[in-house]
Amino acid sequence: MEITYGVFVFILGLVIGSYLNVCIYRIPRGESTVSPPSHCPNCHTCLKPVDLIPLLSYLWARRKCRYCRQPISPRYFWVELLTGVLSVVLWLRFGWTIDFVAFLFLTYILIAVFFIDIEHMIIPDQLVMAGLGGGAVLFVYQLFQPFPIYGDRSWWNPLLGLAVGSGFLLAVSLLGLALYKSDEVMGMGDVKLLAPIGLFLGWRMTLLALFMAVILGGLSSLVLILFGKATRKSVIPFAPFIVLGTWISILWGWQIVHWYLEI
């Protein structure tokens, strides 16, 4: 039975991943994610159901459009696979609980943010608002029920998470603007992204997510500079590291905190 549930969650993730691919392509271009129906971005041919089977359609067509034979970005395959895998990982971690539903919703939003920021270096307000909406629902639920990732039932905990996350990055952004006369030190999209994350994680795990994001971002920048892929003045999107830090906090946050306190 557990295997059946796992397969179901994986397939659900693949289907959602297929829709996330639509969001990743269309939202930065100001297009609707529901109309027109899915089509090839090169020849604009409307895709048939056989063309929309997650993972398999990409492999059967040998990574090319069946109609114009133009290459299909591998992103479509990897987004679907990543969404399916993370869905199963969250289910294994939390089971059939409100935690699972909440973090699954947040994860789907963060996957879209991850790939959009890498490609376009923007964080769409639509995704931030969707996250805030989900976080608000979770906040109301948390007023009446305990939510384990918060660590306590204090009603102000998620609000403090919002303030701590967004407030810290806002301070960094304002400091960069004052010192360097540039808003490229920290984009406002990153500031806004921490708002829904704070609502979902609470202040402790939000701080950990930020810490992990800074560490991962710094190490990645250092590697890119050492290999000549970037310079000290290069602008590197920070949202992907926020996303990675958030996933680390969701899956292993309290274990990391307890390990640190025991050192």
C-alpha atoms as a PDB file:
ATOM      1  CA  MET A   1       0.000   0.000   0.000  1.00  0.00           C
ATOM      2  CA  GLU A   2       2.857   2.383   0.841  1.00  0.00           C
ATOM      3  CA  ILE A   3       4.354   1.808  -2.597  1.00  0.00           C
ATOM      4  CA  THR A   4       0.984   2.566  -4.189  1.00  0.00           C
ATOM      5  CA  TYR A   5       0.749   5.834  -2.278  1.00  0.00           C
ATOM      6  CA  GLY A   6       4.310   6.721  -3.241  1.00  0.00           C
ATOM      7  CA  VAL A   7       3.577   6.083  -6.923  1.00  0.00           C
ATOM      8  CA  PHE A   8       0.427   8.189  -6.687  1.00  0.00           C
ATOM      9  CA  VAL A   9       2.332  11.098  -5.115  1.00  0.00           C
ATOM     10  CA  PHE A  10       5.074  10.793  -7.747  1.00  0.00           C
ATOM     11  CA  ILE A  11       2.568  10.856 -10.620  1.00  0.00           C
ATOM     12  CA  LEU A  12       0.794  13.814  -9.021  1.00  0.00           C
ATOM     13  CA  GLY A  13       4.140  15.594  -8.862  1.00  0.00           C
ATOM     14  CA  LEU A  14       4.832  14.853 -12.527  1.00  0.00           C
ATOM     15  CA  VAL A  15       1.471  16.306 -13.554  1.00  0.00           C
ATOM     16  CA  ILE A  16       2.019  19.428 -11.441  1.00  0.00           C
ATOM     17  CA  GLY A  17       5.540  19.654 -12.858  1.00  0.00           C
ATOM     18  CA  SER A  18       4.101  19.735 -16.353  1.00  0.00           C
ATOM     19  CA  TYR A  19       1.947  22.710 -15.362  1.00  0.00           C
ATOM     20  CA  LEU A  20       4.908  24.377 -13.662  1.00  0.00           C
ATOM     21  CA  ASN A  21       6.747  24.208 -16.983  1.00  0.00           C
ATOM     22  CA  VAL A  22       3.908  26.244 -18.478  1.00  0.00           C
ATOM     23  CA  CYS A  23       4.208  28.763 -15.645  1.00  0.00           C
ATOM     24  CA  ILE A  24       7.995  28.989 -16.002  1.00  0.00           C
ATOM     25  CA  TYR A  25       7.703  29.721 -19.721  1.00  0.00           C
ATOM     26  CA  ARG A  26       4.625  31.956 -19.794  1.00  0.00           C
ATOM     27  CA  ILE A  27       4.616  34.037 -16.600  1.00  0.00           C
ATOM     28  CA  PRO A  28       7.830  35.984 -17.400  1.00  0.00           C
ATOM     29  CA  ARG A  29       6.380  36.696 -20.844  1.00  0.00           C
ATOM     30  CA  GLY A  30       3.134  38.062 -19.427  1.00  0.00           C
ATOM     31  CA  GLU A  31       1.061  35.224 -20.903  1.00  0.00           C
ATOM     32  CA  SER A  32      -1.836  33.326 -19.370  1.00  0.00           C
ATOM     33  CA  THR A  33      -0.988  29.931 -17.895  1.00  0.00           C
ATOM     34  CA  VAL A  34      -4.354  28.431 -18.874  1.00  0.00           C
ATOM     35  CA  SER A  35      -5.042  29.798 -22.340  1.00  0.00           C
ATOM     36  CA  PRO A  36      -4.224  29.059 -25.111  1.00  0.00           C
ATOM     37  CA  PRO A  37      -3.700  25.297 -24.710  1.00  0.00           C
ATOM     38  CA  SER A  38      -0.167  23.887 -24.579  1.00  0.00           C
ATOM     39  CA  HIS A  39       1.679  24.347 -27.850  1.00  0.00           C
ATOM     40  CA  CYS A  40       5.168  24.152 -29.280  1.00  0.00           C
ATOM     41  CA  PRO A  41       6.966  27.472 -28.640  1.00  0.00           C
ATOM     42  CA  ASN A  42       8.668  27.168 -32.037  1.00  0.00           C
ATOM     43  CA  CYS A  43       5.963  26.150 -34.528  1.00  0.00           C
ATOM     44  CA  HIS A  44       2.986  26.979 -32.235  1.00  0.00           C
ATOM     45  CA  THR A  45       1.271  23.680 -33.065  1.00  0.00           C
ATOM     46  CA  CYS A  46      -1.248  22.724 -30.360  1.00  0.00           C
ATOM     47  CA  LEU A  47      -0.005  19.624 -28.576  1.00  0.00           C
ATOM     48  CA  LYS A  48      -2.074  16.456 -28.440  1.00  0.00           C
ATOM     49  CA  PRO A  49      -2.551  14.379 -25.247  1.00  0.00           C
ATOM     50  CA  VAL A  50       0.192  11.997 -26.352  1.00  0.00           C
ATOM     51  CA  ASP A  51       2.578  14.957 -26.447  1.00  0.00           C
ATOM     52  CA  LEU A  52       1.798  15.912 -22.849  1.00  0.00           C
ATOM     53  CA  ILE A  53       2.649  12.728 -20.952  1.00  0.00           C
ATOM     54  CA  PRO A  54       5.201  13.817 -18.342  1.00  0.00           C
ATOM     55  CA  LEU A  55       8.737  12.537 -18.918  1.00  0.00           C
ATOM     56  CA  LEU A  56       7.719   9.910 -21.464  1.00  0.00           C
ATOM     57  CA  SER A  57       6.659  12.301 -24.244  1.00  0.00           C
ATOM     58  CA  TYR A  58      10.036  14.014 -24.052  1.00  0.00           C
ATOM     59  CA  LEU A  59      11.872  10.688 -24.342  1.00  0.00           C
ATOM     60  CA  TRP A  60       9.624   9.219 -27.044  1.00  0.00           C
ATOM     61  CA  ALA A  61      10.036  12.312 -29.217  1.00  0.00           C
ATOM     62  CA  ARG A  62      13.819  12.100 -28.703  1.00  0.00           C
ATOM     63  CA  ARG A  63      13.935  15.572 -27.191  1.00  0.00           C
ATOM     64  CA  LYS A  64      12.413  17.203 -30.287  1.00  0.00           C
ATOM     65  CA  CYS A  65       9.015  18.564 -31.259  1.00  0.00           C
ATOM     66  CA  ARG A  66       7.101  15.917 -33.219  1.00  0.00           C
ATOM     67  CA  TYR A  67       5.860  18.552 -35.664  1.00  0.00           C
ATOM     68  CA  CYS A  68       8.736  20.911 -36.428  1.00  0.00           C
ATOM     69  CA  ARG A  69      11.601  18.721 -35.140  1.00  0.00           C
ATOM     70  CA  GLN A  70      13.125  21.624 -33.242  1.00  0.00           C
ATOM     71  CA  PRO A  71      14.932  20.659 -30.011  1.00  0.00           C
ATOM     72  CA  ILE A  72      12.918  20.813 -26.781  1.00  0.00           C
ATOM     73  CA  SER A  73      14.644  22.371 -23.801  1.00  0.00           C
ATOM     74  CA  PRO A  74      15.745  19.705 -21.292  1.00  0.00           C
ATOM     75  CA  ARG A  75      14.261  21.945 -18.613  1.00  0.00           C
ATOM     76  CA  TYR A  76      10.839  20.465 -19.336  1.00  0.00           C
ATOM     77  CA  PHE A  77      12.058  16.985 -18.433  1.00  0.00           C
ATOM     78  CA  TRP A  78      14.023  18.014 -15.351  1.00  0.00           C
ATOM     79  CA  VAL A  79      11.268  20.205 -13.889  1.00  0.00           C
ATOM     80  CA  GLU A  80       8.786  17.335 -14.137  1.00  0.00           C
ATOM     81  CA  LEU A  81      11.238  14.861 -12.627  1.00  0.00           C
ATOM     82  CA  LEU A  82      12.288  17.241  -9.838  1.00  0.00           C
ATOM     83  CA  THR A  83       8.678  17.986  -8.947  1.00  0.00           C
ATOM     84  CA  GLY A  84       7.834  14.288  -8.801  1.00  0.00           C
ATOM     85  CA  VAL A  85      10.862  13.412  -6.698  1.00  0.00           C
ATOM     86  CA  LEU A  86      10.403  16.285  -4.228  1.00  0.00           C
ATOM     87  CA  SER A  87       6.734  15.396  -3.845  1.00  0.00           C
ATOM     88  CA  VAL A  88       7.697  11.869  -2.780  1.00  0.00           C
ATOM     89  CA  VAL A  89      10.477  13.142  -0.498  1.00  0.00           C
ATOM     90  CA  LEU A  90       8.046  15.447   1.322  1.00  0.00           C
ATOM     91  CA  TRP A  91       5.500  12.637   1.633  1.00  0.00           C
ATOM     92  CA  LEU A  92       8.126  10.327   3.121  1.00  0.00           C
ATOM     93  CA  ARG A  93       9.169  13.083   5.521  1.00  0.00           C
ATOM     94  CA  PHE A  94       5.736  14.226   6.710  1.00  0.00           C
ATOM     95  CA  GLY A  95       3.201  11.560   5.683  1.00  0.00           C
ATOM     96  CA  TRP A  96      -0.448  12.460   5.174  1.00  0.00           C
ATOM     97  CA  THR A  97      -0.419  15.572   7.330  1.00  0.00           C
ATOM     98  CA  ILE A  98      -1.113  19.265   6.989  1.00  0.00           C
ATOM     99  CA  ASP A  99       2.666  19.717   6.988  1.00  0.00           C
ATOM    100  CA  PHE A 100       2.868  17.688   3.798  1.00  0.00           C
ATOM    101  CA  VAL A 101       0.136  19.687   2.069  1.00  0.00           C
ATOM    102  CA  ALA A 102       1.567  23.044   3.154  1.00  0.00           C
ATOM    103  CA  PHE A 103       5.156  22.341   2.203  1.00  0.00           C
ATOM    104  CA  LEU A 104       4.115  20.679  -1.038  1.00  0.00           C
ATOM    105  CA  PHE A 105       2.285  23.854  -2.027  1.00  0.00           C
ATOM    106  CA  LEU A 106       5.283  25.999  -1.092  1.00  0.00           C
ATOM    107  CA  THR A 107       7.667  23.671  -2.922  1.00  0.00           C
ATOM    108  CA  TYR A 108       5.694  23.898  -6.152  1.00  0.00           C
ATOM    109  CA  ILE A 109       5.903  27.693  -6.027  1.00  0.00           C
ATOM    110  CA  LEU A 110       9.612  27.605  -5.236  1.00  0.00           C
ATOM    111  CA  ILE A 111      10.347  25.289  -8.174  1.00  0.00           C
ATOM    112  CA  ALA A 112       8.835  27.843 -10.548  1.00  0.00           C
ATOM    113  CA  VAL A 113      10.750  30.663  -8.818  1.00  0.00           C
ATOM    114  CA  PHE A 114      14.010  28.688  -9.025  1.00  0.00           C
ATOM    115  CA  PHE A 115      13.939  28.241 -12.794  1.00  0.00           C
ATOM    116  CA  ILE A 116      12.425  31.628 -13.654  1.00  0.00           C
ATOM    117  CA  ASP A 117      15.077  33.502 -11.675  1.00  0.00           C
ATOM    118  CA  ILE A 118      17.882  31.485 -13.260  1.00  0.00           C
ATOM    119  CA  GLU A 119      16.638  32.233 -16.775  1.00  0.00           C
ATOM    120  CA  HIS A 120      15.184  35.736 -16.423  1.00  0.00           C
ATOM    121  CA  MET A 121      16.594  37.008 -13.096  1.00  0.00           C
ATOM    122  CA  ILE A 122      13.133  38.027 -11.897  1.00  0.00           C
ATOM    123  CA  ILE A 123      10.728  36.728  -9.263  1.00  0.00           C
ATOM    124  CA  PRO A 124       7.169  37.232 -10.552  1.00  0.00           C
ATOM    125  CA  ASP A 125       4.752  38.910  -8.162  1.00  0.00           C
ATOM    126  CA  GLN A 126       2.094  36.333  -9.104  1.00  0.00           C
ATOM    127  CA  LEU A 127       4.118  33.579  -7.475  1.00  0.00           C
ATOM    128  CA  VAL A 128       4.854  35.667  -4.392  1.00  0.00           C
ATOM    129  CA  MET A 129       1.149  36.488  -4.000  1.00  0.00           C
ATOM    130  CA  ALA A 130       0.206  32.830  -4.403  1.00  0.00           C
ATOM    131  CA  GLY A 131       2.700  31.973  -1.676  1.00  0.00           C
ATOM    132  CA  LEU A 132       1.346  34.700   0.598  1.00  0.00           C
ATOM    133  CA  GLY A 133      -2.176  33.417   0.048  1.00  0.00           C
ATOM    134  CA  GLY A 134      -1.172  29.899   1.031  1.00  0.00           C
ATOM    135  CA  GLY A 135       0.815  31.231   3.984  1.00  0.00           C
ATOM    136  CA  ALA A 136      -2.185  33.236   5.183  1.00  0.00           C
ATOM    137  CA  VAL A 137      -4.384  30.127   5.117  1.00  0.00           C
ATOM    138  CA  LEU A 138      -1.725  28.219   7.035  1.00  0.00           C
ATOM    139  CA  PHE A 139      -1.443  31.065   9.559  1.00  0.00           C
ATOM    140  CA  VAL A 140      -5.167  30.913  10.289  1.00  0.00           C
ATOM    141  CA  TYR A 141      -4.973  27.129  10.636  1.00  0.00           C
ATOM    142  CA  GLN A 142      -1.975  27.448  12.968  1.00  0.00           C
ATOM    143  CA  LEU A 143      -4.015  29.632  15.332  1.00  0.00           C
ATOM    144  CA  PHE A 144      -6.078  26.559  16.203  1.00  0.00           C
ATOM    145  CA  GLN A 145      -3.696  23.660  15.568  1.00  0.00           C
ATOM    146  CA  PRO A 146       0.015  23.075  16.276  1.00  0.00           C
ATOM    147  CA  PHE A 147       2.298  23.171  13.271  1.00  0.00           C
ATOM    148  CA  PRO A 148       5.476  21.182  14.070  1.00  0.00           C
ATOM    149  CA  ILE A 149       7.937  23.104  11.894  1.00  0.00           C
ATOM    150  CA  TYR A 150       7.232  26.272  13.899  1.00  0.00           C
ATOM    151  CA  GLY A 151       8.387  24.671  17.137  1.00  0.00           C
ATOM    152  CA  ASP A 152       5.621  26.343  19.163  1.00  0.00           C
ATOM    153  CA  ARG A 153       2.049  27.545  18.881  1.00  0.00           C
ATOM    154  CA  SER A 154       2.754  31.241  19.353  1.00  0.00           C
ATOM    155  CA  TRP A 155       0.445  33.104  17.012  1.00  0.00           C
ATOM    156  CA  TRP A 156       3.149  35.653  16.218  1.00  0.00           C
ATOM    157  CA  ASN A 157       5.749  33.087  15.140  1.00  0.00           C
ATOM    158  CA  PRO A 158       4.915  33.014  11.396  1.00  0.00           C
ATOM    159  CA  LEU A 159       4.513  36.805  11.362  1.00  0.00           C
ATOM    160  CA  LEU A 160       7.939  37.146  12.943  1.00  0.00           C
ATOM    161  CA  GLY A 161       9.254  34.756  10.298  1.00  0.00           C
ATOM    162  CA  LEU A 162       7.908  37.067   7.614  1.00  0.00           C
ATOM    163  CA  ALA A 163       9.438  40.123   9.286  1.00  0.00           C
ATOM    164  CA  VAL A 164      12.806  38.474   9.965  1.00  0.00           C
ATOM    165  CA  GLY A 165      13.249  37.103   6.442  1.00  0.00           C
ATOM    166  CA  SER A 166      12.062  40.043   4.397  1.00  0.00           C
ATOM    167  CA  GLY A 167      13.351  42.591   6.912  1.00  0.00           C
ATOM    168  CA  PHE A 168      16.902  41.267   6.800  1.00  0.00           C
ATOM    169  CA  LEU A 169      17.094  41.280   3.002  1.00  0.00           C
ATOM    170  CA  LEU A 170      15.414  44.689   2.854  1.00  0.00           C
ATOM    171  CA  ALA A 171      18.106  46.043   5.169  1.00  0.00           C
ATOM    172  CA  VAL A 172      20.808  44.542   2.933  1.00  0.00           C
ATOM    173  CA  SER A 173      19.149  46.067  -0.131  1.00  0.00           C
ATOM    174  CA  LEU A 174      18.894  49.526   1.454  1.00  0.00           C
ATOM    175  CA  LEU A 175      22.475  49.315   2.697  1.00  0.00           C
ATOM    176  CA  GLY A 176      23.696  48.414  -0.784  1.00  0.00           C
ATOM    177  CA  LEU A 177      21.710  51.304  -2.236  1.00  0.00           C
ATOM    178  CA  ALA A 178      23.219  53.716   0.281  1.00  0.00           C
ATOM    179  CA  LEU A 179      26.810  52.524  -0.076  1.00  0.00           C
ATOM    180  CA  TYR A 180      27.015  51.619  -3.745  1.00  0.00           C
ATOM    181  CA  LYS A 181      24.136  53.662  -5.200  1.00  0.00           C
ATOM    182  CA  SER A 182      22.857  50.448  -6.771  1.00  0.00           C
ATOM    183  CA  ASP A 183      19.880  48.178  -6.136  1.00  0.00           C
ATOM    184  CA  GLU A 184      21.708  45.209  -7.641  1.00  0.00           C
ATOM    185  CA  VAL A 185      23.196  44.216  -4.269  1.00  0.00           C
ATOM    186  CA  MET A 186      19.879  42.602  -3.353  1.00  0.00           C
ATOM    187  CA  GLY A 187      16.823  42.641  -5.597  1.00  0.00           C
ATOM    188  CA  MET A 188      13.414  43.470  -4.180  1.00  0.00           C
ATOM    189  CA  GLY A 189      12.138  40.217  -5.614  1.00  0.00           C
ATOM    190  CA  ASP A 190      14.321  38.339  -3.118  1.00  0.00           C
ATOM    191  CA  VAL A 191      12.963  40.526  -0.312  1.00  0.00           C
ATOM    192  CA  LYS A 192       9.379  39.731  -1.290  1.00  0.00           C
ATOM    193  CA  LEU A 193      10.098  36.014  -1.702  1.00  0.00           C
ATOM    194  CA  LEU A 194      11.089  35.702   1.977  1.00  0.00           C
ATOM    195  CA  ALA A 195       7.633  36.927   3.040  1.00  0.00           C
ATOM    196  CA  PRO A 196       5.690  33.742   2.177  1.00  0.00           C
ATOM    197  CA  ILE A 197       8.644  31.582   3.192  1.00  0.00           C
ATOM    198  CA  GLY A 198       8.593  33.247   6.619  1.00  0.00           C
ATOM    199  CA  LEU A 199       4.881  32.529   6.998  1.00  0.00           C
ATOM    200  CA  PHE A 200       5.401  28.858   6.238  1.00  0.00           C
ATOM    201  CA  LEU A 201       8.571  28.282   8.248  1.00  0.00           C
ATOM    202  CA  GLY A 202       8.388  30.601  11.238  1.00  0.00           C
ATOM    203  CA  TRP A 203      11.295  32.738  12.376  1.00  0.00           C
ATOM    204  CA  ARG A 204      13.743  30.010  13.431  1.00  0.00           C
ATOM    205  CA  MET A 205      13.658  28.008  10.225  1.00  0.00           C
ATOM    206  CA  THR A 206      13.543  31.193   8.140  1.00  0.00           C
ATOM    207  CA  LEU A 207      16.792  32.330   9.727  1.00  0.00           C
ATOM    208  CA  LEU A 208      18.310  28.924   8.984  1.00  0.00           C
ATOM    209  CA  ALA A 209      17.078  29.094   5.383  1.00  0.00           C
ATOM    210  CA  LEU A 210      18.691  32.521   4.995  1.00  0.00           C
ATOM    211  CA  PHE A 211      21.933  31.313   6.541  1.00  0.00           C
ATOM    212  CA  MET A 212      22.080  28.300   4.228  1.00  0.00           C
ATOM    213  CA  ALA A 213      21.236  30.502   1.213  1.00  0.00           C
ATOM    214  CA  VAL A 214      24.117  32.869   2.008  1.00  0.00           C
ATOM    215  CA  ILE A 215      26.549  29.966   2.482  1.00  0.00           C
ATOM    216  CA  LEU A 216      25.482  28.197  -0.711  1.00  0.00           C
ATOM    217  CA  GLY A 217      25.427  31.443  -2.701  1.00  0.00           C
ATOM    218  CA  GLY A 218      28.872  32.455  -1.476  1.00  0.00           C
ATOM    219  CA  LEU A 219      30.419  29.067  -2.217  1.00  0.00           C
ATOM    220  CA  SER A 220      28.836  28.932  -5.678  1.00  0.00           C
ATOM    221  CA  SER A 221      30.034  32.448  -6.502  1.00  0.00           C
ATOM    222  CA  LEU A 222      33.540  31.551  -5.361  1.00  0.00           C
ATOM    223  CA  VAL A 223      33.601  28.458  -7.563  1.00  0.00           C
ATOM    224  CA  LEU A 224      32.339  30.424 -10.581  1.00  0.00           C
ATOM    225  CA  ILE A 225      35.006  33.089 -10.055  1.00  0.00           C
ATOM    226  CA  LEU A 226      37.782  30.511  -9.627  1.00  0.00           C
ATOM    227  CA  PHE A 227      36.793  28.810 -12.896  1.00  0.00           C
ATOM    228  CA  GLY A 228      36.471  32.089 -14.764  1.00  0.00           C
ATOM    229  CA  LYS A 229      32.704  31.811 -15.237  1.00  0.00           C
ATOM    230  CA  ALA A 230      32.019  35.014 -13.308  1.00  0.00           C
ATOM    231  CA  THR A 231      33.752  38.052 -11.862  1.00  0.00           C
ATOM    232  CA  ARG A 232      33.344  39.910  -8.584  1.00  0.00           C
ATOM    233  CA  LYS A 233      31.028  42.343 -10.395  1.00  0.00           C
ATOM    234  CA  SER A 234      28.851  39.644 -11.971  1.00  0.00           C
ATOM    235  CA  VAL A 235      25.184  39.632 -10.982  1.00  0.00           C
ATOM    236  CA  ILE A 236      24.199  36.162  -9.804  1.00  0.00           C
ATOM    237  CA  PRO A 237      20.541  35.365  -9.044  1.00  0.00           C
ATOM    238  CA  PHE A 238      20.049  34.766  -5.331  1.00  0.00           C
ATOM    239  CA  ALA A 239      16.542  33.266  -5.351  1.00  0.00           C
ATOM    240  CA  PRO A 240      17.759  29.755  -6.310  1.00  0.00           C
ATOM    241  CA  PHE A 241      19.895  29.727  -3.161  1.00  0.00           C
ATOM    242  CA  ILE A 242      16.956  30.944  -1.065  1.00  0.00           C
ATOM    243  CA  VAL A 243      14.956  28.062  -2.517  1.00  0.00           C
ATOM    244  CA  LEU A 244      17.678  25.535  -1.694  1.00  0.00           C
ATOM    245  CA  GLY A 245      18.046  26.948   1.821  1.00  0.00           C
ATOM    246  CA  THR A 246      14.285  26.690   2.330  1.00  0.00           C
ATOM    247  CA  TRP A 247      14.195  23.050   1.256  1.00  0.00           C
ATOM    248  CA  ILE A 248      17.076  22.258   3.609  1.00  0.00           C
ATOM    249  CA  SER A 249      15.194  23.925   6.461  1.00  0.00           C
ATOM    250  CA  ILE A 250      11.981  22.068   5.653  1.00  0.00           C
ATOM    251  CA  LEU A 251      13.587  18.639   5.490  1.00  0.00           C
ATOM    252  CA  TRP A 252      16.400  18.835   8.045  1.00  0.00           C
ATOM    253  CA  GLY A 253      16.069  22.203   9.781  1.00  0.00           C
ATOM    254  CA  TRP A 254      15.428  21.097  13.351  1.00  0.00           C
ATOM    255  CA  GLN A 255      18.023  18.331  13.119  1.00  0.00           C
ATOM    256  CA  ILE A 256      20.603  20.934  12.061  1.00  0.00           C
ATOM    257  CA  VAL A 257      19.629  23.283  14.899  1.00  0.00           C
ATOM    258  CA  HIS A 258      19.776  20.509  17.504  1.00  0.00           C
ATOM    259  CA  TRP A 259      23.128  19.339  16.159  1.00  0.00           C
ATOM    260  CA  TYR A 260      24.501  22.864  16.382  1.00  0.00           C
ATOM    261  CA  LEU A 261      23.273  23.341  19.951  1.00  0.00           C
ATOM    262  CA  GLU A 262      24.947  20.105  21.014  1.00  0.00           C
ATOM    263  CA  ILE A 263      28.393  21.081  19.689  1.00  0.00           C
END
